C-alpha cells in the first residue's frame, strides 16, 4: 500500500511538474490576431461551391425520381435514364447510369443499344474488365466490321 501511495504521489508530482508550466505558458502567450475579413473573391468562391452543391443535390433528387417513375418497367427505365442523360450529360453518376442502361437493354434484348452503352462505360472506366469483356462479346455477336475492330482493341487491353 505504501508503494502504491508513493507511486500515486510521484505521478501527481510529475503531472504538476509537466502540465503546470505548459498551462502557465499558454496563459501568458499572446492572443491570436482576429481573422481578416473575407474578401469578395472568397465569398464568391463559397457562393459557387454552395451553388454546385445545390445543383448536385437537385441532380441526385431528379435521378431518384427518374428511377422511381420507371418502377419495374425496363423500357421506361431506359427512356427515363436516357432523358436524364440528355438533361445532365456530365452527371457524376454517369457510369452507374450506363451500367443500369446496359443491364436494362440486355433484358430487353436491345443488343445494339446495350453495346453502345457498354462501350461508353468502357470509355469512362477502361479498368472495368467485366464490362470490357461484355462489350467484346456484344461486339462479336452483334457488331459490324468496325465493331469487330473495336472489340479486338478491347481484347488487347484485357490481355
N, C-alpha and C. Protein backbone atom coordinates (compact mmCIF):
# COMPACT_ATOMS: atom_id res chain seq x y z
N UNK A 1 0.82 -1.19 0.00
CA UNK A 1 0.00 0.00 0.00
C UNK A 1 0.86 1.24 0.00
N UNK A 2 1.94 1.19 0.73
CA UNK A 2 2.85 2.32 0.79
C UNK A 2 3.46 2.58 -0.59
N UNK A 3 3.77 1.48 -1.32
CA UNK A 3 4.35 1.65 -2.65
C UNK A 3 3.35 2.28 -3.61
N UNK A 4 2.08 1.86 -3.58
CA UNK A 4 1.09 2.44 -4.48
C UNK A 4 0.83 3.89 -4.14
N UNK A 5 0.84 4.21 -2.85
CA UNK A 5 0.65 5.60 -2.45
C UNK A 5 1.82 6.44 -2.93
N UNK A 6 3.06 5.90 -2.84
CA UNK A 6 4.22 6.64 -3.31
C UNK A 6 4.16 6.83 -4.82
N UNK A 7 3.75 5.79 -5.51
CA UNK A 7 3.63 5.92 -6.96
C UNK A 7 2.59 6.96 -7.32
N UNK A 8 1.52 6.94 -6.63
CA UNK A 8 0.47 7.91 -6.91
C UNK A 8 0.95 9.32 -6.62
N UNK A 9 1.66 9.50 -5.53
CA UNK A 9 2.18 10.82 -5.20
C UNK A 9 3.24 11.25 -6.21
N UNK A 10 4.06 10.28 -6.64
CA UNK A 10 5.06 10.60 -7.67
C UNK A 10 4.39 10.98 -8.98
N UNK A 11 3.36 10.25 -9.33
CA UNK A 11 2.65 10.55 -10.57
C UNK A 11 2.01 11.92 -10.51
N UNK A 12 1.44 12.24 -9.38
CA UNK A 12 0.82 13.56 -9.22
C UNK A 12 1.88 14.64 -9.32
N UNK A 13 3.04 14.41 -8.71
CA UNK A 13 4.11 15.40 -8.77
C UNK A 13 4.58 15.59 -10.21
N UNK A 14 4.69 14.49 -10.95
CA UNK A 14 5.09 14.59 -12.35
C UNK A 14 4.06 15.35 -13.18
N UNK A 15 2.80 15.09 -12.91
CA UNK A 15 1.75 15.82 -13.64
C UNK A 15 1.86 17.31 -13.41
N UNK A 16 2.03 17.70 -12.18
CA UNK A 16 2.15 19.12 -11.88
C UNK A 16 3.43 19.69 -12.47
N UNK A 17 4.49 18.89 -12.47
CA UNK A 17 5.77 19.38 -12.98
C UNK A 17 5.71 19.63 -14.48
N UNK A 18 4.99 18.76 -15.19
CA UNK A 18 4.95 18.91 -16.64
C UNK A 18 3.81 19.78 -17.15
N UNK A 19 2.64 19.66 -16.55
CA UNK A 19 1.48 20.34 -17.10
C UNK A 19 1.27 21.74 -16.55
N UNK A 20 1.75 22.01 -15.36
CA UNK A 20 1.60 23.35 -14.80
C UNK A 20 2.37 24.38 -15.60
N UNK A 21 3.64 24.12 -15.98
CA UNK A 21 4.34 25.11 -16.79
C UNK A 21 3.70 25.32 -18.17
N UNK A 22 3.19 24.26 -18.76
CA UNK A 22 2.55 24.39 -20.06
C UNK A 22 1.32 25.27 -19.96
N UNK A 23 0.57 25.09 -18.90
CA UNK A 23 -0.63 25.90 -18.70
C UNK A 23 -0.26 27.35 -18.46
N UNK A 24 0.79 27.58 -17.70
CA UNK A 24 1.21 28.95 -17.43
C UNK A 24 1.71 29.61 -18.71
N UNK A 25 2.43 28.88 -19.52
CA UNK A 25 2.95 29.44 -20.77
C UNK A 25 1.79 29.77 -21.71
N UNK A 26 0.82 28.86 -21.79
CA UNK A 26 -0.29 29.11 -22.71
C UNK A 26 -1.13 30.29 -22.27
N UNK A 27 -1.18 30.56 -20.95
CA UNK A 27 -1.94 31.71 -20.47
C UNK A 27 -1.20 33.00 -20.75
N UNK A 28 0.14 32.93 -20.73
CA UNK A 28 0.94 34.13 -20.97
C UNK A 28 1.14 34.40 -22.46
N UNK A 29 0.83 33.45 -23.31
CA UNK A 29 1.05 33.61 -24.75
C UNK A 29 0.13 34.69 -25.29
N UNK A 30 0.63 35.45 -26.25
CA UNK A 30 -0.22 36.48 -26.84
C UNK A 30 -1.39 35.84 -27.58
N UNK A 31 -2.49 36.52 -27.55
CA UNK A 31 -3.69 36.00 -28.20
C UNK A 31 -3.56 36.17 -29.71
N UNK A 32 -4.14 35.23 -30.41
CA UNK A 32 -4.07 35.25 -31.87
C UNK A 32 -4.84 36.44 -32.42
N UNK A 33 -4.33 36.95 -33.51
CA UNK A 33 -4.99 38.08 -34.16
C UNK A 33 -6.31 37.61 -34.75
N UNK A 34 -7.30 38.47 -34.76
CA UNK A 34 -8.57 38.06 -35.34
C UNK A 34 -8.40 37.78 -36.83
N UNK A 35 -9.22 36.89 -37.35
CA UNK A 35 -9.16 36.52 -38.75
C UNK A 35 -9.51 37.72 -39.61
N UNK A 36 -8.80 37.87 -40.72
CA UNK A 36 -9.12 39.01 -41.59
C UNK A 36 -10.51 38.83 -42.19
N UNK A 37 -11.17 39.93 -42.47
CA UNK A 37 -12.50 39.82 -43.07
C UNK A 37 -12.39 39.15 -44.43
N UNK A 38 -13.45 38.44 -44.79
CA UNK A 38 -13.44 37.72 -46.04
C UNK A 38 -13.51 38.69 -47.21
N UNK A 39 -12.74 38.39 -48.23
CA UNK A 39 -12.74 39.23 -49.41
C UNK A 39 -13.87 38.81 -50.33
N UNK A 40 -14.10 39.61 -51.32
CA UNK A 40 -15.16 39.30 -52.27
C UNK A 40 -14.88 38.00 -53.01
N UNK A 41 -13.60 37.75 -53.30
CA UNK A 41 -13.28 36.54 -54.05
C UNK A 41 -13.55 35.29 -53.24
N UNK A 42 -13.28 35.32 -51.93
CA UNK A 42 -13.55 34.13 -51.11
C UNK A 42 -15.05 33.94 -50.92
N UNK A 43 -15.80 35.02 -50.82
CA UNK A 43 -17.25 34.85 -50.70
C UNK A 43 -17.84 34.38 -52.02
N UNK A 44 -17.26 34.82 -53.13
CA UNK A 44 -17.73 34.35 -54.44
C UNK A 44 -17.44 32.86 -54.61
N UNK A 45 -16.26 32.43 -54.14
CA UNK A 45 -15.92 31.01 -54.21
C UNK A 45 -16.87 30.19 -53.35
N UNK A 46 -17.20 30.70 -52.16
CA UNK A 46 -18.13 30.00 -51.29
C UNK A 46 -19.51 29.92 -51.93
N UNK A 47 -19.93 31.00 -52.57
CA UNK A 47 -21.23 31.00 -53.23
C UNK A 47 -21.24 30.00 -54.39
N UNK A 48 -20.13 29.94 -55.15
CA UNK A 48 -20.05 28.97 -56.24
C UNK A 48 -20.09 27.54 -55.71
N UNK A 49 -19.37 27.31 -54.62
CA UNK A 49 -19.35 25.98 -54.03
C UNK A 49 -20.74 25.57 -53.54
N UNK A 50 -21.43 26.50 -52.91
CA UNK A 50 -22.78 26.23 -52.42
C UNK A 50 -23.74 25.99 -53.59
N UNK A 51 -23.60 26.76 -54.66
CA UNK A 51 -24.46 26.56 -55.84
C UNK A 51 -24.19 25.20 -56.49
N UNK A 52 -22.91 24.79 -56.53
CA UNK A 52 -22.57 23.48 -57.09
C UNK A 52 -23.15 22.36 -56.24
N UNK A 53 -23.10 22.52 -54.92
CA UNK A 53 -23.68 21.51 -54.03
C UNK A 53 -25.19 21.42 -54.21
N UNK A 54 -25.84 22.56 -54.37
CA UNK A 54 -27.29 22.56 -54.58
C UNK A 54 -27.64 21.92 -55.92
N UNK A 55 -26.83 22.20 -56.95
CA UNK A 55 -27.07 21.61 -58.27
C UNK A 55 -26.89 20.09 -58.20
N UNK A 56 -25.86 19.64 -57.50
CA UNK A 56 -25.63 18.21 -57.34
C UNK A 56 -26.77 17.57 -56.58
N UNK A 57 -27.23 18.24 -55.54
CA UNK A 57 -28.34 17.71 -54.75
C UNK A 57 -29.61 17.62 -55.61
N UNK A 58 -29.86 18.66 -56.41
CA UNK A 58 -31.03 18.66 -57.29
C UNK A 58 -30.90 17.55 -58.32
N UNK A 59 -29.69 17.36 -58.85
CA UNK A 59 -29.46 16.29 -59.83
C UNK A 59 -29.73 14.92 -59.20
N UNK A 60 -29.27 14.72 -57.98
CA UNK A 60 -29.49 13.45 -57.28
C UNK A 60 -30.98 13.20 -57.06
N UNK A 61 -31.70 14.23 -56.66
CA UNK A 61 -33.13 14.09 -56.44
C UNK A 61 -33.85 13.75 -57.74
N UNK A 62 -33.44 14.41 -58.81
CA UNK A 62 -34.09 14.15 -60.10
C UNK A 62 -33.77 12.74 -60.60
N UNK A 63 -32.56 12.26 -60.37
CA UNK A 63 -32.21 10.90 -60.75
C UNK A 63 -33.04 9.90 -59.96
N UNK A 64 -33.19 10.14 -58.68
CA UNK A 64 -34.01 9.26 -57.84
C UNK A 64 -35.45 9.22 -58.34
N UNK A 65 -35.98 10.38 -58.69
CA UNK A 65 -37.35 10.46 -59.20
C UNK A 65 -37.46 9.73 -60.54
N UNK A 66 -36.45 9.86 -61.37
CA UNK A 66 -36.42 9.18 -62.67
C UNK A 66 -36.50 7.67 -62.50
N UNK A 67 -35.74 7.16 -61.54
CA UNK A 67 -35.73 5.71 -61.29
C UNK A 67 -37.05 5.25 -60.70
N UNK A 68 -37.58 6.03 -59.76
CA UNK A 68 -38.85 5.67 -59.12
C UNK A 68 -40.00 5.69 -60.12
N UNK A 69 -39.98 6.65 -61.04
CA UNK A 69 -41.05 6.75 -62.02
C UNK A 69 -41.09 5.54 -62.95
N UNK A 70 -39.93 4.94 -63.21
CA UNK A 70 -39.89 3.78 -64.10
C UNK A 70 -40.45 2.54 -63.43
N UNK A 71 -40.32 2.44 -62.11
CA UNK A 71 -40.80 1.26 -61.41
C UNK A 71 -40.06 0.02 -61.87
N UNK A 72 -40.80 -1.04 -62.22
CA UNK A 72 -40.20 -2.29 -62.69
C UNK A 72 -40.19 -2.41 -64.21
N UNK A 73 -40.65 -1.39 -64.90
CA UNK A 73 -40.72 -1.40 -66.36
C UNK A 73 -39.35 -1.05 -66.94
N UNK A 74 -38.70 -2.03 -67.56
CA UNK A 74 -37.35 -1.82 -68.10
C UNK A 74 -37.34 -0.82 -69.25
N UNK A 75 -38.34 -0.86 -70.10
CA UNK A 75 -38.39 0.08 -71.22
C UNK A 75 -38.52 1.51 -70.70
N UNK A 76 -39.35 1.70 -69.68
CA UNK A 76 -39.49 3.03 -69.08
C UNK A 76 -38.20 3.45 -68.41
N UNK A 77 -37.50 2.50 -67.81
CA UNK A 77 -36.21 2.81 -67.18
C UNK A 77 -35.22 3.32 -68.21
N UNK A 78 -35.17 2.65 -69.35
CA UNK A 78 -34.25 3.08 -70.41
C UNK A 78 -34.63 4.47 -70.91
N UNK A 79 -35.90 4.70 -71.17
CA UNK A 79 -36.35 6.01 -71.65
C UNK A 79 -36.03 7.09 -70.63
N UNK A 80 -36.34 6.83 -69.36
CA UNK A 80 -36.12 7.83 -68.31
C UNK A 80 -34.64 8.13 -68.12
N UNK A 81 -33.81 7.10 -68.10
CA UNK A 81 -32.37 7.33 -67.90
C UNK A 81 -31.75 8.03 -69.09
N UNK A 82 -32.20 7.71 -70.29
CA UNK A 82 -31.69 8.42 -71.47
C UNK A 82 -32.11 9.89 -71.43
N UNK A 83 -33.34 10.15 -71.01
CA UNK A 83 -33.79 11.54 -70.85
C UNK A 83 -32.98 12.27 -69.79
N UNK A 84 -32.67 11.58 -68.71
CA UNK A 84 -31.85 12.18 -67.66
C UNK A 84 -30.46 12.52 -68.18
N UNK A 85 -29.88 11.61 -68.97
CA UNK A 85 -28.55 11.87 -69.53
C UNK A 85 -28.56 13.01 -70.55
N UNK A 86 -29.69 13.21 -71.24
CA UNK A 86 -29.78 14.35 -72.15
C UNK A 86 -29.80 15.65 -71.36
N UNK A 87 -30.45 15.62 -70.21
CA UNK A 87 -30.52 16.82 -69.38
C UNK A 87 -29.22 17.07 -68.62
N UNK A 88 -28.58 15.99 -68.15
CA UNK A 88 -27.33 16.08 -67.38
C UNK A 88 -26.26 15.22 -68.06
N UNK A 89 -25.71 15.68 -69.18
CA UNK A 89 -24.74 14.84 -69.90
C UNK A 89 -23.44 14.61 -69.14
N UNK A 90 -23.08 15.48 -68.25
CA UNK A 90 -21.84 15.33 -67.48
C UNK A 90 -22.13 14.97 -66.03
N UNK A 91 -23.13 14.16 -65.81
CA UNK A 91 -23.52 13.76 -64.46
C UNK A 91 -22.40 12.99 -63.78
N UNK A 92 -22.29 13.19 -62.48
CA UNK A 92 -21.29 12.45 -61.71
C UNK A 92 -21.68 10.98 -61.58
N UNK A 93 -22.92 10.65 -61.86
CA UNK A 93 -23.43 9.28 -61.76
C UNK A 93 -23.47 8.57 -63.11
N UNK A 94 -22.77 9.13 -64.10
CA UNK A 94 -22.83 8.60 -65.45
C UNK A 94 -22.48 7.12 -65.54
N UNK A 95 -21.41 6.70 -64.87
CA UNK A 95 -21.00 5.30 -65.00
C UNK A 95 -22.07 4.36 -64.44
N UNK A 96 -22.70 4.72 -63.32
CA UNK A 96 -23.76 3.89 -62.76
C UNK A 96 -24.98 3.88 -63.66
N UNK A 97 -25.26 5.02 -64.28
CA UNK A 97 -26.41 5.10 -65.19
C UNK A 97 -26.14 4.25 -66.43
N UNK A 98 -24.93 4.33 -66.98
CA UNK A 98 -24.60 3.49 -68.14
C UNK A 98 -24.71 2.01 -67.79
N UNK A 99 -24.25 1.64 -66.60
CA UNK A 99 -24.34 0.23 -66.19
C UNK A 99 -25.81 -0.20 -66.11
N UNK A 100 -26.66 0.65 -65.53
CA UNK A 100 -28.09 0.33 -65.45
C UNK A 100 -28.70 0.23 -66.85
N UNK A 101 -28.26 1.10 -67.75
CA UNK A 101 -28.77 1.05 -69.13
C UNK A 101 -28.32 -0.22 -69.84
N UNK A 102 -27.09 -0.65 -69.61
CA UNK A 102 -26.62 -1.89 -70.22
C UNK A 102 -27.46 -3.06 -69.72
N UNK A 103 -27.67 -3.13 -68.42
CA UNK A 103 -28.45 -4.23 -67.86
C UNK A 103 -29.88 -4.22 -68.37
N UNK A 104 -30.49 -3.05 -68.40
CA UNK A 104 -31.89 -2.96 -68.86
C UNK A 104 -32.02 -3.30 -70.33
N UNK A 105 -31.11 -2.79 -71.16
CA UNK A 105 -31.22 -3.07 -72.59
C UNK A 105 -30.90 -4.53 -72.90
N UNK A 106 -30.04 -5.16 -72.10
CA UNK A 106 -29.81 -6.60 -72.30
C UNK A 106 -31.07 -7.39 -71.98
N UNK A 107 -31.78 -7.00 -70.92
CA UNK A 107 -33.02 -7.70 -70.59
C UNK A 107 -34.09 -7.47 -71.65
N UNK A 108 -34.04 -6.32 -72.29
CA UNK A 108 -34.99 -6.03 -73.37
C UNK A 108 -34.53 -6.63 -74.71
N UNK A 109 -33.36 -7.24 -74.72
CA UNK A 109 -32.76 -7.82 -75.91
C UNK A 109 -32.51 -6.77 -77.00
N UNK A 110 -32.21 -5.54 -76.57
CA UNK A 110 -31.84 -4.46 -77.48
C UNK A 110 -30.31 -4.42 -77.52
N UNK A 111 -29.72 -5.35 -78.26
CA UNK A 111 -28.27 -5.54 -78.24
C UNK A 111 -27.47 -4.37 -78.82
N UNK A 112 -27.93 -3.72 -79.87
CA UNK A 112 -27.17 -2.55 -80.35
C UNK A 112 -27.07 -1.44 -79.30
N UNK A 113 -28.15 -1.18 -78.61
CA UNK A 113 -28.13 -0.15 -77.57
C UNK A 113 -27.29 -0.60 -76.37
N UNK A 114 -27.37 -1.87 -76.01
CA UNK A 114 -26.54 -2.40 -74.92
C UNK A 114 -25.06 -2.27 -75.28
N UNK A 115 -24.73 -2.54 -76.53
CA UNK A 115 -23.34 -2.41 -76.99
C UNK A 115 -22.88 -0.97 -76.89
N UNK A 116 -23.74 -0.05 -77.30
CA UNK A 116 -23.40 1.37 -77.26
C UNK A 116 -23.08 1.82 -75.83
N UNK A 117 -23.93 1.45 -74.89
CA UNK A 117 -23.70 1.89 -73.51
C UNK A 117 -22.55 1.13 -72.85
N UNK A 118 -22.33 -0.12 -73.25
CA UNK A 118 -21.17 -0.86 -72.72
C UNK A 118 -19.88 -0.19 -73.19
N UNK A 119 -19.85 0.23 -74.45
CA UNK A 119 -18.66 0.91 -74.96
C UNK A 119 -18.47 2.28 -74.30
N UNK A 120 -19.54 2.98 -74.03
CA UNK A 120 -19.43 4.25 -73.31
C UNK A 120 -18.86 4.03 -71.92
N UNK A 121 -19.30 2.98 -71.29
CA UNK A 121 -18.81 2.67 -69.94
C UNK A 121 -17.33 2.29 -69.98
N UNK A 122 -16.93 1.54 -71.01
CA UNK A 122 -15.51 1.19 -71.15
C UNK A 122 -14.68 2.45 -71.40
N UNK A 123 -15.23 3.40 -72.15
CA UNK A 123 -14.51 4.65 -72.40
C UNK A 123 -14.31 5.45 -71.11
N UNK A 124 -15.31 5.42 -70.23
CA UNK A 124 -15.19 6.14 -68.96
C UNK A 124 -14.26 5.43 -67.99
N UNK A 125 -14.41 4.10 -67.92
CA UNK A 125 -13.66 3.31 -66.96
C UNK A 125 -13.00 2.12 -67.66
N UNK A 126 -11.83 2.34 -68.30
CA UNK A 126 -11.20 1.25 -69.05
C UNK A 126 -10.67 0.12 -68.16
N UNK A 127 -10.55 0.34 -66.87
CA UNK A 127 -10.07 -0.70 -65.96
C UNK A 127 -11.16 -1.70 -65.58
N UNK A 128 -12.40 -1.43 -65.93
CA UNK A 128 -13.50 -2.33 -65.61
C UNK A 128 -13.47 -3.51 -66.58
N UNK A 129 -12.80 -4.57 -66.17
CA UNK A 129 -12.58 -5.72 -67.03
C UNK A 129 -13.90 -6.42 -67.38
N UNK A 130 -14.79 -6.54 -66.40
CA UNK A 130 -16.05 -7.26 -66.68
C UNK A 130 -16.87 -6.55 -67.75
N UNK A 131 -16.93 -5.24 -67.71
CA UNK A 131 -17.68 -4.51 -68.73
C UNK A 131 -16.95 -4.54 -70.06
N UNK A 132 -15.63 -4.53 -70.02
CA UNK A 132 -14.86 -4.63 -71.26
C UNK A 132 -15.11 -5.97 -71.94
N UNK A 133 -15.12 -7.05 -71.17
CA UNK A 133 -15.39 -8.37 -71.73
C UNK A 133 -16.82 -8.44 -72.28
N UNK A 134 -17.76 -7.84 -71.57
CA UNK A 134 -19.14 -7.81 -72.07
C UNK A 134 -19.21 -7.04 -73.39
N UNK A 135 -18.51 -5.90 -73.46
CA UNK A 135 -18.50 -5.13 -74.70
C UNK A 135 -17.90 -5.95 -75.84
N UNK A 136 -16.84 -6.71 -75.54
CA UNK A 136 -16.23 -7.57 -76.56
C UNK A 136 -17.24 -8.60 -77.05
N UNK A 137 -17.94 -9.25 -76.13
CA UNK A 137 -18.91 -10.27 -76.50
C UNK A 137 -20.05 -9.68 -77.33
N UNK A 138 -20.53 -8.52 -76.92
CA UNK A 138 -21.62 -7.88 -77.68
C UNK A 138 -21.15 -7.48 -79.07
N UNK A 139 -19.94 -6.94 -79.17
CA UNK A 139 -19.42 -6.55 -80.48
C UNK A 139 -19.19 -7.78 -81.37
N UNK A 140 -18.76 -8.87 -80.76
CA UNK A 140 -18.53 -10.09 -81.53
C UNK A 140 -19.83 -10.65 -82.09
N UNK A 141 -20.88 -10.64 -81.27
CA UNK A 141 -22.15 -11.23 -81.68
C UNK A 141 -23.00 -10.31 -82.55
N UNK A 142 -22.96 -9.02 -82.25
CA UNK A 142 -23.93 -8.11 -82.88
C UNK A 142 -23.28 -6.92 -83.58
N UNK A 143 -21.96 -6.94 -83.70
CA UNK A 143 -21.28 -5.79 -84.28
C UNK A 143 -21.01 -5.94 -85.76
N UNK A 144 -20.67 -4.84 -86.37
CA UNK A 144 -20.28 -4.83 -87.77
C UNK A 144 -18.75 -4.91 -87.84
N UNK A 145 -18.19 -4.64 -89.00
CA UNK A 145 -16.74 -4.75 -89.18
C UNK A 145 -16.00 -3.75 -88.28
N UNK A 146 -16.51 -2.54 -88.20
CA UNK A 146 -15.87 -1.54 -87.34
C UNK A 146 -15.96 -1.97 -85.87
N UNK A 147 -17.09 -2.55 -85.51
CA UNK A 147 -17.27 -3.04 -84.15
C UNK A 147 -16.30 -4.17 -83.83
N UNK A 148 -16.03 -5.00 -84.80
CA UNK A 148 -15.08 -6.10 -84.60
C UNK A 148 -13.69 -5.54 -84.33
N UNK A 149 -13.33 -4.49 -85.05
CA UNK A 149 -12.01 -3.86 -84.83
C UNK A 149 -11.92 -3.26 -83.44
N UNK A 150 -12.99 -2.62 -83.01
CA UNK A 150 -13.00 -2.08 -81.64
C UNK A 150 -12.92 -3.21 -80.63
N UNK A 151 -13.64 -4.30 -80.89
CA UNK A 151 -13.59 -5.46 -79.99
C UNK A 151 -12.19 -6.03 -79.87
N UNK A 152 -11.46 -6.06 -80.99
CA UNK A 152 -10.07 -6.55 -80.96
C UNK A 152 -9.20 -5.61 -80.11
N UNK A 153 -9.42 -4.32 -80.24
CA UNK A 153 -8.62 -3.38 -79.42
C UNK A 153 -8.96 -3.55 -77.94
N UNK A 154 -10.22 -3.84 -77.64
CA UNK A 154 -10.59 -4.10 -76.24
C UNK A 154 -9.92 -5.38 -75.74
N UNK A 155 -9.82 -6.38 -76.63
CA UNK A 155 -9.16 -7.64 -76.24
C UNK A 155 -7.71 -7.41 -75.87
N UNK A 156 -7.02 -6.56 -76.62
CA UNK A 156 -5.63 -6.28 -76.28
C UNK A 156 -5.50 -5.58 -74.94
N UNK A 157 -6.47 -4.77 -74.58
CA UNK A 157 -6.46 -4.14 -73.25
C UNK A 157 -6.58 -5.17 -72.15
N UNK A 158 -7.50 -6.11 -72.38
CA UNK A 158 -7.75 -7.13 -71.36
C UNK A 158 -6.54 -8.02 -71.18
N UNK A 159 -5.95 -8.42 -72.30
CA UNK A 159 -4.79 -9.32 -72.26
C UNK A 159 -3.63 -8.55 -71.67
